[in-house]
N, C-alpha and C. Protein backbone atom coordinates (compact mmCIF):
# COMPACT_ATOMS: atom_id res chain seq x y z
N UNK A 1 -23.64 -10.66 9.14
CA UNK A 1 -23.96 -9.26 9.19
C UNK A 1 -24.60 -8.86 7.86
N UNK A 2 -25.67 -8.16 7.94
CA UNK A 2 -26.33 -7.66 6.74
C UNK A 2 -26.16 -6.14 6.69
N UNK A 3 -26.26 -5.59 5.49
CA UNK A 3 -26.16 -4.14 5.35
C UNK A 3 -27.18 -3.48 6.28
N UNK A 4 -26.72 -2.54 7.10
CA UNK A 4 -27.55 -1.95 8.12
C UNK A 4 -27.35 -0.44 8.15
N UNK A 5 -28.42 0.30 8.32
CA UNK A 5 -28.32 1.75 8.48
C UNK A 5 -27.59 2.08 9.77
N UNK A 6 -26.87 3.18 9.77
CA UNK A 6 -26.20 3.63 10.98
C UNK A 6 -24.75 3.19 11.10
N UNK A 7 -24.30 2.26 10.25
CA UNK A 7 -22.90 1.87 10.28
C UNK A 7 -22.08 2.93 9.57
N UNK A 8 -20.94 3.30 10.15
CA UNK A 8 -20.08 4.33 9.57
C UNK A 8 -18.79 3.77 9.00
N UNK A 9 -18.51 2.52 9.25
CA UNK A 9 -17.31 1.90 8.71
C UNK A 9 -17.13 0.51 9.25
N UNK A 10 -16.03 -0.08 8.87
CA UNK A 10 -15.75 -1.43 9.33
C UNK A 10 -14.32 -1.82 9.05
N UNK A 11 -13.93 -2.97 9.57
CA UNK A 11 -12.60 -3.49 9.30
C UNK A 11 -12.62 -5.01 9.29
N UNK A 12 -11.63 -5.54 8.61
CA UNK A 12 -11.42 -6.98 8.57
C UNK A 12 -9.92 -7.20 8.63
N UNK A 13 -9.50 -8.15 9.45
CA UNK A 13 -8.10 -8.55 9.51
C UNK A 13 -8.06 -10.05 9.36
N UNK A 14 -7.30 -10.50 8.35
CA UNK A 14 -7.14 -11.93 8.10
C UNK A 14 -5.65 -12.22 7.96
N UNK A 15 -5.05 -12.75 9.02
CA UNK A 15 -3.64 -13.11 9.04
C UNK A 15 -3.54 -14.61 9.26
N UNK A 16 -2.92 -15.30 8.32
CA UNK A 16 -2.69 -16.74 8.48
C UNK A 16 -1.22 -17.04 8.23
N UNK A 17 -0.82 -18.27 8.51
CA UNK A 17 0.57 -18.71 8.36
C UNK A 17 0.62 -19.91 7.43
N UNK A 18 0.62 -19.62 6.14
CA UNK A 18 0.65 -20.68 5.14
C UNK A 18 1.89 -21.55 5.28
N UNK A 19 2.97 -20.96 5.80
CA UNK A 19 4.25 -21.65 5.91
C UNK A 19 4.32 -22.65 7.05
N UNK A 20 3.34 -22.66 7.93
CA UNK A 20 3.35 -23.59 9.05
C UNK A 20 3.09 -25.02 8.56
N UNK A 21 3.83 -25.99 9.08
CA UNK A 21 3.71 -27.37 8.58
C UNK A 21 2.30 -27.96 8.67
N UNK A 22 1.49 -27.55 9.64
CA UNK A 22 0.16 -28.13 9.80
C UNK A 22 -0.92 -27.38 9.01
N UNK A 23 -0.54 -26.36 8.21
CA UNK A 23 -1.53 -25.62 7.44
C UNK A 23 -2.01 -26.49 6.27
N UNK A 24 -3.32 -26.78 6.21
CA UNK A 24 -3.82 -27.66 5.15
C UNK A 24 -3.70 -27.06 3.75
N UNK A 25 -3.49 -25.74 3.65
CA UNK A 25 -3.36 -25.09 2.34
C UNK A 25 -1.91 -24.79 1.99
N UNK A 26 -0.99 -25.24 2.82
CA UNK A 26 0.43 -24.93 2.66
C UNK A 26 1.05 -25.43 1.37
N UNK A 27 0.49 -26.46 0.77
CA UNK A 27 1.05 -26.99 -0.48
C UNK A 27 0.40 -26.39 -1.72
N UNK A 28 -0.45 -25.40 -1.53
CA UNK A 28 -1.16 -24.76 -2.63
C UNK A 28 -0.25 -23.73 -3.32
N UNK A 29 0.32 -24.14 -4.46
CA UNK A 29 1.30 -23.29 -5.15
C UNK A 29 0.74 -21.93 -5.53
N UNK A 30 -0.52 -21.87 -5.97
CA UNK A 30 -1.05 -20.57 -6.40
C UNK A 30 -1.16 -19.60 -5.24
N UNK A 31 -1.42 -20.10 -4.03
CA UNK A 31 -1.48 -19.21 -2.87
C UNK A 31 -0.10 -18.62 -2.58
N UNK A 32 0.94 -19.42 -2.71
CA UNK A 32 2.31 -18.93 -2.49
C UNK A 32 2.66 -17.89 -3.54
N UNK A 33 2.20 -18.11 -4.77
CA UNK A 33 2.53 -17.20 -5.87
C UNK A 33 1.70 -15.92 -5.84
N UNK A 34 0.40 -16.03 -5.63
CA UNK A 34 -0.52 -14.88 -5.75
C UNK A 34 -0.75 -14.16 -4.42
N UNK A 35 -0.61 -14.85 -3.31
CA UNK A 35 -0.71 -14.20 -2.01
C UNK A 35 -2.13 -13.93 -1.54
N UNK A 36 -2.19 -13.16 -0.46
CA UNK A 36 -3.45 -12.92 0.24
C UNK A 36 -4.47 -12.13 -0.57
N UNK A 37 -3.99 -11.20 -1.40
CA UNK A 37 -4.95 -10.40 -2.16
C UNK A 37 -5.91 -11.28 -2.95
N UNK A 38 -5.37 -12.33 -3.57
CA UNK A 38 -6.21 -13.17 -4.42
C UNK A 38 -6.79 -14.39 -3.69
N UNK A 39 -6.29 -14.69 -2.50
CA UNK A 39 -6.84 -15.81 -1.73
C UNK A 39 -7.93 -15.31 -0.78
N UNK A 40 -7.57 -14.42 0.11
CA UNK A 40 -8.55 -13.94 1.10
C UNK A 40 -9.21 -12.61 0.71
N UNK A 41 -8.66 -11.93 -0.30
CA UNK A 41 -9.24 -10.68 -0.77
C UNK A 41 -10.71 -10.80 -1.19
N UNK A 42 -11.07 -11.83 -1.98
CA UNK A 42 -12.49 -11.97 -2.35
C UNK A 42 -13.40 -12.14 -1.14
N UNK A 43 -12.92 -12.88 -0.13
CA UNK A 43 -13.73 -13.09 1.08
C UNK A 43 -13.87 -11.78 1.85
N UNK A 44 -12.78 -11.01 1.91
CA UNK A 44 -12.83 -9.72 2.61
C UNK A 44 -13.85 -8.79 1.95
N UNK A 45 -13.78 -8.68 0.63
CA UNK A 45 -14.74 -7.82 -0.08
C UNK A 45 -16.17 -8.31 0.11
N UNK A 46 -16.38 -9.60 0.00
CA UNK A 46 -17.74 -10.15 0.16
C UNK A 46 -18.29 -9.85 1.55
N UNK A 47 -17.46 -10.02 2.55
CA UNK A 47 -17.90 -9.80 3.93
C UNK A 47 -18.19 -8.32 4.19
N UNK A 48 -17.26 -7.46 3.80
CA UNK A 48 -17.45 -6.03 4.10
C UNK A 48 -18.57 -5.41 3.26
N UNK A 49 -18.76 -5.87 2.03
CA UNK A 49 -19.86 -5.32 1.24
C UNK A 49 -21.21 -5.85 1.72
N UNK A 50 -21.23 -7.05 2.29
CA UNK A 50 -22.49 -7.54 2.86
C UNK A 50 -22.92 -6.66 4.03
N UNK A 51 -21.95 -6.16 4.77
CA UNK A 51 -22.28 -5.34 5.95
C UNK A 51 -22.49 -3.88 5.61
N UNK A 52 -21.74 -3.36 4.63
CA UNK A 52 -21.72 -1.90 4.40
C UNK A 52 -22.17 -1.48 3.01
N UNK A 53 -22.57 -2.41 2.19
CA UNK A 53 -23.04 -2.08 0.85
C UNK A 53 -21.95 -2.25 -0.19
N UNK A 54 -22.34 -2.20 -1.47
CA UNK A 54 -21.38 -2.43 -2.56
C UNK A 54 -20.20 -1.47 -2.51
N UNK A 55 -19.07 -1.97 -3.01
CA UNK A 55 -17.86 -1.15 -3.07
C UNK A 55 -17.88 -0.29 -4.32
N UNK A 56 -17.53 0.98 -4.14
CA UNK A 56 -17.40 1.91 -5.26
C UNK A 56 -15.99 1.89 -5.82
N UNK A 57 -15.00 1.86 -4.91
CA UNK A 57 -13.60 1.85 -5.33
C UNK A 57 -12.75 1.24 -4.22
N UNK A 58 -11.48 1.00 -4.57
CA UNK A 58 -10.57 0.40 -3.62
C UNK A 58 -9.20 1.06 -3.76
N UNK A 59 -8.54 1.25 -2.65
CA UNK A 59 -7.17 1.75 -2.63
C UNK A 59 -6.35 0.68 -1.93
N UNK A 60 -5.21 0.33 -2.53
CA UNK A 60 -4.40 -0.77 -2.01
C UNK A 60 -2.97 -0.33 -1.77
N UNK A 61 -2.42 -0.79 -0.66
CA UNK A 61 -1.02 -0.58 -0.35
C UNK A 61 -0.41 -1.93 -0.01
N UNK A 62 0.67 -2.26 -0.71
CA UNK A 62 1.36 -3.51 -0.44
C UNK A 62 2.42 -3.31 0.62
N UNK A 63 2.58 -4.28 1.47
CA UNK A 63 3.61 -4.26 2.49
C UNK A 63 4.65 -5.34 2.19
N UNK A 64 5.34 -5.77 3.21
CA UNK A 64 6.34 -6.82 3.06
C UNK A 64 5.66 -8.12 2.61
N UNK A 65 6.31 -8.83 1.69
CA UNK A 65 5.75 -10.08 1.22
C UNK A 65 4.40 -9.87 0.57
N UNK A 66 3.41 -10.63 1.01
CA UNK A 66 2.07 -10.52 0.43
C UNK A 66 1.13 -9.64 1.26
N UNK A 67 1.66 -8.98 2.30
CA UNK A 67 0.80 -8.13 3.12
C UNK A 67 0.18 -7.04 2.27
N UNK A 68 -1.13 -6.89 2.39
CA UNK A 68 -1.84 -5.85 1.67
C UNK A 68 -2.86 -5.22 2.61
N UNK A 69 -2.96 -3.89 2.51
CA UNK A 69 -3.99 -3.16 3.23
C UNK A 69 -4.89 -2.51 2.19
N UNK A 70 -6.17 -2.74 2.33
CA UNK A 70 -7.16 -2.20 1.39
C UNK A 70 -8.02 -1.18 2.11
N UNK A 71 -8.30 -0.07 1.45
CA UNK A 71 -9.31 0.88 1.91
C UNK A 71 -10.42 0.81 0.88
N UNK A 72 -11.59 0.45 1.33
CA UNK A 72 -12.73 0.23 0.45
C UNK A 72 -13.72 1.38 0.64
N UNK A 73 -13.99 2.09 -0.44
CA UNK A 73 -15.02 3.14 -0.42
C UNK A 73 -16.32 2.50 -0.90
N UNK A 74 -17.32 2.52 -0.05
CA UNK A 74 -18.60 1.89 -0.36
C UNK A 74 -19.55 2.91 -0.99
N UNK A 75 -20.46 2.42 -1.81
CA UNK A 75 -21.46 3.29 -2.44
C UNK A 75 -22.30 4.02 -1.40
N UNK A 76 -22.40 3.48 -0.21
CA UNK A 76 -23.17 4.09 0.86
C UNK A 76 -22.49 5.33 1.44
N UNK A 77 -21.22 5.56 1.05
CA UNK A 77 -20.48 6.71 1.55
C UNK A 77 -19.54 6.40 2.70
N UNK A 78 -19.59 5.20 3.23
CA UNK A 78 -18.70 4.82 4.32
C UNK A 78 -17.45 4.14 3.75
N UNK A 79 -16.44 4.00 4.59
CA UNK A 79 -15.23 3.29 4.19
C UNK A 79 -14.98 2.15 5.17
N UNK A 80 -14.25 1.17 4.66
CA UNK A 80 -13.81 0.06 5.50
C UNK A 80 -12.38 -0.28 5.12
N UNK A 81 -11.73 -1.05 5.97
CA UNK A 81 -10.36 -1.46 5.70
C UNK A 81 -10.24 -2.97 5.84
N UNK A 82 -9.27 -3.51 5.11
CA UNK A 82 -8.94 -4.92 5.23
C UNK A 82 -7.42 -5.04 5.22
N UNK A 83 -6.89 -5.77 6.19
CA UNK A 83 -5.46 -6.09 6.25
C UNK A 83 -5.34 -7.60 6.09
N UNK A 84 -4.54 -8.03 5.10
CA UNK A 84 -4.50 -9.43 4.72
C UNK A 84 -3.07 -9.91 4.53
N UNK A 85 -2.77 -11.08 5.02
CA UNK A 85 -1.52 -11.76 4.70
C UNK A 85 -1.69 -13.25 4.92
N UNK A 86 -0.97 -14.03 4.11
CA UNK A 86 -0.95 -15.48 4.28
C UNK A 86 0.30 -15.93 5.03
N UNK A 87 1.21 -14.99 5.32
CA UNK A 87 2.51 -15.36 5.87
C UNK A 87 2.83 -14.61 7.16
N UNK A 88 1.86 -14.50 8.04
CA UNK A 88 2.07 -13.85 9.33
C UNK A 88 2.87 -14.77 10.24
N UNK A 89 3.58 -14.20 11.20
CA UNK A 89 4.18 -15.05 12.23
C UNK A 89 3.06 -15.78 12.97
N UNK A 90 3.28 -17.01 13.39
CA UNK A 90 2.22 -17.76 14.06
C UNK A 90 1.55 -17.01 15.21
N UNK A 91 2.30 -16.21 15.95
CA UNK A 91 1.71 -15.49 17.08
C UNK A 91 0.74 -14.39 16.64
N UNK A 92 0.80 -14.00 15.37
CA UNK A 92 -0.08 -12.92 14.87
C UNK A 92 -1.28 -13.45 14.10
N UNK A 93 -1.39 -14.76 13.95
CA UNK A 93 -2.49 -15.35 13.18
C UNK A 93 -3.83 -15.00 13.83
N UNK A 94 -4.79 -14.65 13.00
CA UNK A 94 -6.13 -14.38 13.51
C UNK A 94 -7.03 -13.82 12.44
N UNK A 95 -8.30 -13.80 12.74
CA UNK A 95 -9.32 -13.29 11.83
C UNK A 95 -10.32 -12.51 12.67
N UNK A 96 -10.62 -11.31 12.23
CA UNK A 96 -11.65 -10.53 12.91
C UNK A 96 -12.33 -9.60 11.91
N UNK A 97 -13.60 -9.38 12.15
CA UNK A 97 -14.40 -8.47 11.34
C UNK A 97 -15.28 -7.69 12.29
N UNK A 98 -15.40 -6.39 12.02
CA UNK A 98 -16.30 -5.57 12.82
C UNK A 98 -16.82 -4.42 11.99
N UNK A 99 -17.99 -3.95 12.34
CA UNK A 99 -18.52 -2.69 11.82
C UNK A 99 -18.72 -1.78 13.02
N UNK A 100 -18.66 -0.48 12.76
CA UNK A 100 -18.85 0.48 13.84
C UNK A 100 -19.77 1.59 13.37
N UNK A 101 -20.45 2.18 14.34
CA UNK A 101 -21.37 3.26 14.00
C UNK A 101 -22.04 3.83 15.23
N UNK A 102 -23.22 4.35 15.01
CA UNK A 102 -23.96 5.06 16.06
C UNK A 102 -24.21 4.21 17.30
N UNK A 103 -24.36 2.92 17.12
CA UNK A 103 -24.67 2.04 18.26
C UNK A 103 -23.42 1.41 18.86
N UNK A 104 -22.24 1.73 18.33
CA UNK A 104 -21.00 1.17 18.86
C UNK A 104 -20.33 0.28 17.84
N UNK A 105 -19.71 -0.77 18.33
CA UNK A 105 -18.97 -1.72 17.50
C UNK A 105 -19.68 -3.07 17.55
N UNK A 106 -19.84 -3.67 16.38
CA UNK A 106 -20.44 -5.00 16.32
C UNK A 106 -19.43 -5.93 15.64
N UNK A 107 -18.94 -6.90 16.38
CA UNK A 107 -17.96 -7.86 15.86
C UNK A 107 -18.66 -9.11 15.33
N UNK A 108 -18.11 -9.64 14.24
CA UNK A 108 -18.62 -10.90 13.72
C UNK A 108 -18.25 -12.00 14.71
N UNK A 109 -19.21 -12.83 15.09
CA UNK A 109 -18.89 -13.92 16.01
C UNK A 109 -17.89 -14.88 15.36
N UNK A 110 -17.02 -15.49 16.16
CA UNK A 110 -16.06 -16.44 15.59
C UNK A 110 -16.77 -17.68 15.06
N UNK A 111 -16.23 -18.24 13.99
CA UNK A 111 -16.76 -19.48 13.45
C UNK A 111 -16.15 -20.65 14.20
N UNK A 112 -16.88 -21.72 14.37
CA UNK A 112 -16.28 -22.90 15.00
C UNK A 112 -15.17 -23.44 14.11
N UNK A 113 -14.20 -24.14 14.71
CA UNK A 113 -13.13 -24.76 13.92
C UNK A 113 -13.76 -25.63 12.85
N UNK A 114 -13.24 -25.48 11.64
CA UNK A 114 -13.79 -26.25 10.53
C UNK A 114 -14.97 -25.57 9.86
N UNK A 115 -15.30 -24.35 10.29
CA UNK A 115 -16.40 -23.61 9.68
C UNK A 115 -17.75 -24.12 10.13
N UNK A 116 -18.76 -23.63 9.51
CA UNK A 116 -20.14 -24.02 9.81
C UNK A 116 -20.57 -25.04 8.77
N UNK A 117 -20.76 -26.31 9.16
CA UNK A 117 -21.02 -27.36 8.17
C UNK A 117 -22.24 -27.13 7.30
N UNK A 118 -23.25 -26.45 7.78
CA UNK A 118 -24.47 -26.26 7.01
C UNK A 118 -24.41 -25.15 5.97
N UNK A 119 -23.36 -24.33 5.99
CA UNK A 119 -23.30 -23.19 5.08
C UNK A 119 -23.19 -23.61 3.62
N UNK A 120 -22.40 -24.62 3.33
CA UNK A 120 -22.28 -25.08 1.94
C UNK A 120 -23.61 -25.61 1.43
N UNK A 121 -24.33 -26.31 2.28
CA UNK A 121 -25.64 -26.82 1.88
C UNK A 121 -26.61 -25.68 1.60
N UNK A 122 -26.57 -24.65 2.44
CA UNK A 122 -27.44 -23.49 2.21
C UNK A 122 -27.09 -22.81 0.89
N UNK A 123 -25.80 -22.63 0.64
CA UNK A 123 -25.36 -22.01 -0.62
C UNK A 123 -25.84 -22.82 -1.82
N UNK A 124 -25.72 -24.15 -1.73
CA UNK A 124 -26.17 -25.01 -2.83
C UNK A 124 -27.68 -24.90 -3.03
N UNK A 125 -28.45 -24.86 -1.93
CA UNK A 125 -29.91 -24.72 -2.04
C UNK A 125 -30.28 -23.39 -2.69
N UNK A 126 -29.59 -22.33 -2.31
CA UNK A 126 -29.88 -21.02 -2.90
C UNK A 126 -29.54 -20.98 -4.39
N UNK A 127 -28.45 -21.63 -4.78
CA UNK A 127 -28.07 -21.70 -6.19
C UNK A 127 -29.13 -22.46 -6.98
N UNK A 128 -29.56 -23.60 -6.47
CA UNK A 128 -30.60 -24.38 -7.14
C UNK A 128 -31.89 -23.57 -7.22
N UNK A 129 -32.27 -22.91 -6.12
CA UNK A 129 -33.49 -22.10 -6.11
C UNK A 129 -33.45 -20.99 -7.15
N UNK A 130 -32.31 -20.35 -7.28
CA UNK A 130 -32.15 -19.29 -8.26
C UNK A 130 -32.26 -19.84 -9.68
N UNK A 131 -31.64 -20.99 -9.91
CA UNK A 131 -31.70 -21.61 -11.24
C UNK A 131 -33.13 -22.02 -11.59
N UNK A 132 -33.87 -22.56 -10.62
CA UNK A 132 -35.23 -23.03 -10.88
C UNK A 132 -36.22 -21.90 -11.08
N UNK A 133 -36.05 -20.81 -10.33
CA UNK A 133 -37.01 -19.71 -10.41
C UNK A 133 -36.61 -18.65 -11.43
N UNK A 134 -35.33 -18.62 -11.78
CA UNK A 134 -34.86 -17.57 -12.69
C UNK A 134 -34.62 -16.24 -12.00
N UNK A 135 -34.83 -16.20 -10.69
CA UNK A 135 -34.60 -14.97 -9.93
C UNK A 135 -33.13 -14.92 -9.54
N UNK A 136 -32.41 -13.90 -10.02
CA UNK A 136 -30.98 -13.84 -9.71
C UNK A 136 -30.72 -13.71 -8.21
N UNK A 137 -29.66 -14.35 -7.77
CA UNK A 137 -29.22 -14.24 -6.38
C UNK A 137 -28.38 -12.97 -6.26
N UNK A 138 -28.40 -12.32 -5.10
CA UNK A 138 -27.61 -11.10 -4.93
C UNK A 138 -26.11 -11.36 -5.04
N UNK A 139 -25.68 -12.57 -4.76
CA UNK A 139 -24.27 -12.92 -4.90
C UNK A 139 -24.17 -13.79 -6.16
N UNK A 140 -24.19 -13.12 -7.31
CA UNK A 140 -24.19 -13.81 -8.59
C UNK A 140 -22.91 -13.51 -9.36
N UNK A 141 -22.91 -13.85 -10.63
CA UNK A 141 -21.72 -13.65 -11.45
C UNK A 141 -21.36 -12.17 -11.57
N UNK A 142 -22.36 -11.30 -11.57
CA UNK A 142 -22.08 -9.86 -11.63
C UNK A 142 -21.36 -9.41 -10.37
N UNK A 143 -21.80 -9.89 -9.23
CA UNK A 143 -21.14 -9.60 -7.95
C UNK A 143 -19.70 -10.08 -7.99
N UNK A 144 -19.50 -11.32 -8.44
CA UNK A 144 -18.16 -11.88 -8.51
C UNK A 144 -17.26 -11.11 -9.47
N UNK A 145 -17.80 -10.76 -10.63
CA UNK A 145 -17.01 -10.01 -11.62
C UNK A 145 -16.60 -8.65 -11.08
N UNK A 146 -17.49 -7.99 -10.36
CA UNK A 146 -17.16 -6.69 -9.79
C UNK A 146 -16.04 -6.83 -8.75
N UNK A 147 -16.10 -7.85 -7.92
CA UNK A 147 -15.05 -8.07 -6.94
C UNK A 147 -13.70 -8.34 -7.62
N UNK A 148 -13.71 -9.11 -8.71
CA UNK A 148 -12.47 -9.36 -9.45
C UNK A 148 -11.94 -8.06 -10.04
N UNK A 149 -12.81 -7.21 -10.58
CA UNK A 149 -12.37 -5.90 -11.10
C UNK A 149 -11.69 -5.08 -10.01
N UNK A 150 -12.29 -5.05 -8.83
CA UNK A 150 -11.72 -4.29 -7.72
C UNK A 150 -10.37 -4.86 -7.29
N UNK A 151 -10.26 -6.18 -7.22
CA UNK A 151 -9.00 -6.81 -6.84
C UNK A 151 -7.93 -6.60 -7.90
N UNK A 152 -8.31 -6.63 -9.17
CA UNK A 152 -7.35 -6.37 -10.25
C UNK A 152 -6.84 -4.94 -10.15
N UNK A 153 -7.72 -4.00 -9.84
CA UNK A 153 -7.31 -2.61 -9.64
C UNK A 153 -6.34 -2.52 -8.46
N UNK A 154 -6.65 -3.22 -7.38
CA UNK A 154 -5.75 -3.23 -6.22
C UNK A 154 -4.39 -3.79 -6.60
N UNK A 155 -4.37 -4.88 -7.37
CA UNK A 155 -3.10 -5.48 -7.79
C UNK A 155 -2.29 -4.50 -8.64
N UNK A 156 -2.97 -3.79 -9.54
CA UNK A 156 -2.28 -2.79 -10.38
C UNK A 156 -1.67 -1.69 -9.51
N UNK A 157 -2.39 -1.25 -8.50
CA UNK A 157 -1.87 -0.21 -7.60
C UNK A 157 -0.61 -0.71 -6.86
N UNK A 158 -0.67 -1.93 -6.37
CA UNK A 158 0.48 -2.51 -5.64
C UNK A 158 1.67 -2.66 -6.58
N UNK A 159 1.43 -3.20 -7.77
CA UNK A 159 2.51 -3.41 -8.74
C UNK A 159 3.14 -2.08 -9.15
N UNK A 160 2.32 -1.05 -9.39
CA UNK A 160 2.83 0.25 -9.80
C UNK A 160 3.69 0.87 -8.70
N UNK A 161 3.29 0.71 -7.46
CA UNK A 161 4.06 1.28 -6.35
C UNK A 161 5.39 0.56 -6.14
N UNK A 162 5.44 -0.72 -6.51
CA UNK A 162 6.66 -1.51 -6.33
C UNK A 162 7.66 -1.36 -7.48
N UNK A 163 7.19 -0.80 -8.61
CA UNK A 163 8.11 -0.69 -9.76
C UNK A 163 8.80 0.65 -9.84
């Protein structure tokens, strides 16, 4: 999904079960310690900002365990939400993304199991192209730093509400 005129908002839900024995990331100590905000949060922001434009601010509410709900205010004036957890019950596991607006709802198509094998190659080609031409990529260190700032703000909000 690319940023498109006419979208009024969007949502992303990413619920996984890190605790399940067959989860390939289940032994990742930092995921258990830091939770969904820092594991899937960057992906949520990247996806929703690609569809709705850069994020201006974020509001975060922590739930049980690592559950977090984010409300993202975009520079375009629209808002989106993200609900994230790494410790959902297996029956609740799932991933969905959608934007909505004047033309209705547009859902992101599901990825095949194992992801799209060519995406990493495309990302590597774009990185090399940017390095060779000197033309910055739209998803560069500035983009990454801004997402980290937003997630750090979200973490501060969650921590303040819990203390």
